[in-house]
Amino acid sequence: MPTFDDSSNSLEKSWVEKLDIYFQLNQMLETEAIKVATLHLDGEAQDWWFHGMVTLGHSTVMTYAEFTRRLMERFDRRDLENNFVELTRLKQKGSPKTYIADFLRVFVMVPDLSTARRVYVYVEGLVKPLRGLVRSIRPATL
């Protein structure tokens, strides 16, 4: 299982997704899952959890959902508006495959975007010849 340390290479959302898969494959009590997860915290994340046992009430966390919620609240410093701005500024620079991957990476952080708006933002980021082609098809979904 990977560690989480709040570095630029370590996104809390992807770490929690990997934890979820690990605990689906390795069933255990929720209190045990929290202990296993905290063994894989490093750096600032480890300090936050272990030093917060008394000051932040981490010792009262009894469910895995509460653990992941607190971790996400603490380390997800980007808000929805910033994520949306990043999404709208995203432009295709390389292959369509690379653009799709970049778009999906940012897109998941903007959950309340309507389908029509998602499609519009996606198409606007495509390079000019491809943008026109996709617009002519009038896609209803991504």
Protein backbone atom coordinates (compact mmCIF):
# COMPACT_ATOMS: atom_id res chain seq x y z
CA MET A 1 0.00 0.00 0.00
CA PRO A 2 1.38 3.43 -0.85
CA THR A 3 2.08 6.08 1.75
CA PHE A 4 0.55 9.53 1.94
CA ASP A 5 2.71 12.48 2.95
CA ASP A 6 0.95 15.52 1.43
CA SER A 7 3.73 16.08 -1.10
CA SER A 8 2.99 17.44 -4.54
CA ASN A 9 3.29 13.88 -5.85
CA SER A 10 0.75 12.57 -3.35
CA LEU A 11 -2.90 13.50 -3.83
CA GLU A 12 -5.14 12.60 -0.91
CA LYS A 13 -8.05 11.65 -3.18
CA SER A 14 -6.07 9.06 -5.13
CA TRP A 15 -4.52 7.72 -1.92
CA VAL A 16 -7.97 7.26 -0.36
CA GLU A 17 -9.18 5.52 -3.54
CA LYS A 18 -6.28 3.06 -3.25
CA LEU A 19 -7.10 2.54 0.44
CA ASP A 20 -10.71 1.80 -0.48
CA ILE A 21 -9.62 -0.90 -2.90
CA TYR A 22 -7.15 -2.35 -0.39
CA PHE A 23 -9.83 -2.61 2.29
CA GLN A 24 -12.32 -4.12 -0.15
CA LEU A 25 -9.77 -6.87 -0.83
CA ASN A 26 -8.69 -7.18 2.81
CA GLN A 27 -11.79 -7.13 5.00
CA MET A 28 -11.23 -6.00 8.59
CA LEU A 29 -12.90 -4.07 11.37
CA GLU A 30 -13.13 -0.33 10.73
CA THR A 31 -10.97 0.49 13.75
CA GLU A 32 -8.30 -1.86 12.40
CA ALA A 33 -8.57 -0.29 8.94
CA ILE A 34 -7.93 3.14 10.47
CA LYS A 35 -4.83 1.80 12.24
CA VAL A 36 -3.52 0.18 9.06
CA ALA A 37 -4.15 3.37 7.08
CA THR A 38 -2.35 5.53 9.66
CA LEU A 39 0.69 3.25 9.40
CA HIS A 40 0.98 4.54 5.84
CA LEU A 41 1.05 8.24 6.70
CA ASP A 42 4.37 10.08 6.46
CA GLY A 43 5.65 13.61 6.92
CA GLU A 44 3.06 16.30 7.54
CA ALA A 45 0.22 13.79 7.27
CA GLN A 46 1.73 11.62 9.99
CA ASP A 47 2.30 14.65 12.21
CA TRP A 48 -1.28 15.82 11.65
CA TRP A 49 -2.76 12.45 12.62
CA PHE A 50 -0.58 11.44 15.57
CA HIS A 51 -0.18 14.90 17.10
CA GLY A 52 -3.87 15.50 16.58
CA MET A 53 -4.89 12.45 18.61
CA VAL A 54 -5.47 14.68 21.63
CA THR A 55 -5.74 18.20 20.21
CA LEU A 56 -8.05 17.46 17.27
CA GLY A 57 -9.93 14.50 18.70
CA HIS A 58 -8.57 11.89 16.31
CA SER A 59 -8.76 9.33 19.12
CA THR A 60 -12.57 9.53 18.87
CA VAL A 61 -12.62 8.56 15.19
CA MET A 62 -14.29 5.16 15.07
CA THR A 63 -15.21 4.74 11.39
CA TYR A 64 -13.13 4.54 8.26
CA ALA A 65 -15.46 7.06 6.59
CA GLU A 66 -14.78 9.60 9.36
CA PHE A 67 -11.02 9.02 9.02
CA THR A 68 -11.05 9.62 5.26
CA ARG A 69 -13.38 12.63 5.60
CA ARG A 70 -11.03 14.29 8.10
CA LEU A 71 -7.99 13.53 5.96
CA MET A 72 -9.65 14.98 2.85
CA GLU A 73 -10.79 18.09 4.74
CA ARG A 74 -7.30 18.66 6.10
CA PHE A 75 -5.25 18.07 2.97
CA ASP A 76 -7.56 19.07 0.12
CA ARG A 77 -6.55 22.72 0.06
CA ARG A 78 -8.11 23.39 -3.33
CA ASP A 79 -11.69 24.52 -3.44
CA LEU A 80 -14.28 23.89 -6.14
CA GLU A 81 -13.92 27.33 -7.69
CA ASN A 82 -10.17 26.88 -8.17
CA ASN A 83 -10.74 23.42 -9.63
CA PHE A 84 -13.34 24.79 -12.05
CA VAL A 85 -10.99 27.58 -13.14
CA GLU A 86 -8.22 25.04 -13.70
CA LEU A 87 -10.62 22.91 -15.73
CA THR A 88 -11.71 25.80 -17.95
CA ARG A 89 -8.09 26.83 -18.57
CA LEU A 90 -7.05 23.33 -19.57
CA LYS A 91 -6.11 23.21 -23.25
CA GLN A 92 -5.00 20.37 -25.46
CA LYS A 93 -1.26 20.65 -26.05
CA GLY A 94 -0.41 17.15 -27.14
CA SER A 95 -2.36 14.13 -28.24
CA PRO A 96 -6.10 13.79 -27.64
CA LYS A 97 -5.30 10.87 -25.32
CA THR A 98 -3.13 13.10 -23.13
CA TYR A 99 -5.78 15.84 -23.08
CA ILE A 100 -8.46 13.34 -22.07
CA ALA A 101 -6.30 12.10 -19.18
CA ASP A 102 -5.56 15.67 -18.04
CA PHE A 103 -9.22 16.65 -18.33
CA LEU A 104 -10.43 13.64 -16.34
CA ARG A 105 -7.80 14.24 -13.63
CA VAL A 106 -9.16 17.74 -12.97
CA PHE A 107 -12.79 16.98 -13.86
CA VAL A 108 -13.29 14.58 -10.91
CA MET A 109 -12.58 17.49 -8.56
CA VAL A 110 -15.59 19.44 -9.92
CA PRO A 111 -18.47 17.07 -9.11
CA ASP A 112 -21.41 19.48 -9.45
CA LEU A 113 -20.86 20.38 -13.09
CA SER A 114 -23.84 19.62 -15.35
CA THR A 115 -23.35 17.24 -18.25
CA ALA A 116 -23.90 20.00 -20.81
CA ARG A 117 -21.33 22.24 -19.09
CA ARG A 118 -18.81 19.36 -18.89
CA VAL A 119 -19.12 18.75 -22.62
CA TYR A 120 -18.81 22.47 -23.39
CA VAL A 121 -15.68 22.91 -21.25
CA TYR A 122 -14.14 19.76 -22.69
CA VAL A 123 -14.76 20.76 -26.31
CA GLU A 124 -13.45 24.31 -25.73
CA GLY A 125 -10.11 22.86 -24.62
CA LEU A 126 -9.55 20.89 -27.82
CA VAL A 127 -7.23 22.13 -30.55
CA LYS A 128 -8.97 24.13 -33.28
CA PRO A 129 -9.47 21.58 -36.07
CA LEU A 130 -10.61 18.89 -33.63
CA ARG A 131 -12.80 21.34 -31.69
CA GLY A 132 -14.79 22.18 -34.83
CA LEU A 133 -15.21 18.53 -35.73
CA VAL A 134 -16.47 17.63 -32.26
CA ARG A 135 -18.81 20.65 -32.18
CA SER A 136 -20.35 19.56 -35.49
CA ILE A 137 -21.27 16.21 -33.94
CA ARG A 138 -23.05 18.02 -31.06
CA PRO A 139 -22.17 15.49 -28.36
CA ALA A 140 -24.62 15.20 -25.47
CA THR A 141 -22.16 13.46 -23.13
CA LEU A 142 -18.44 13.12 -22.68
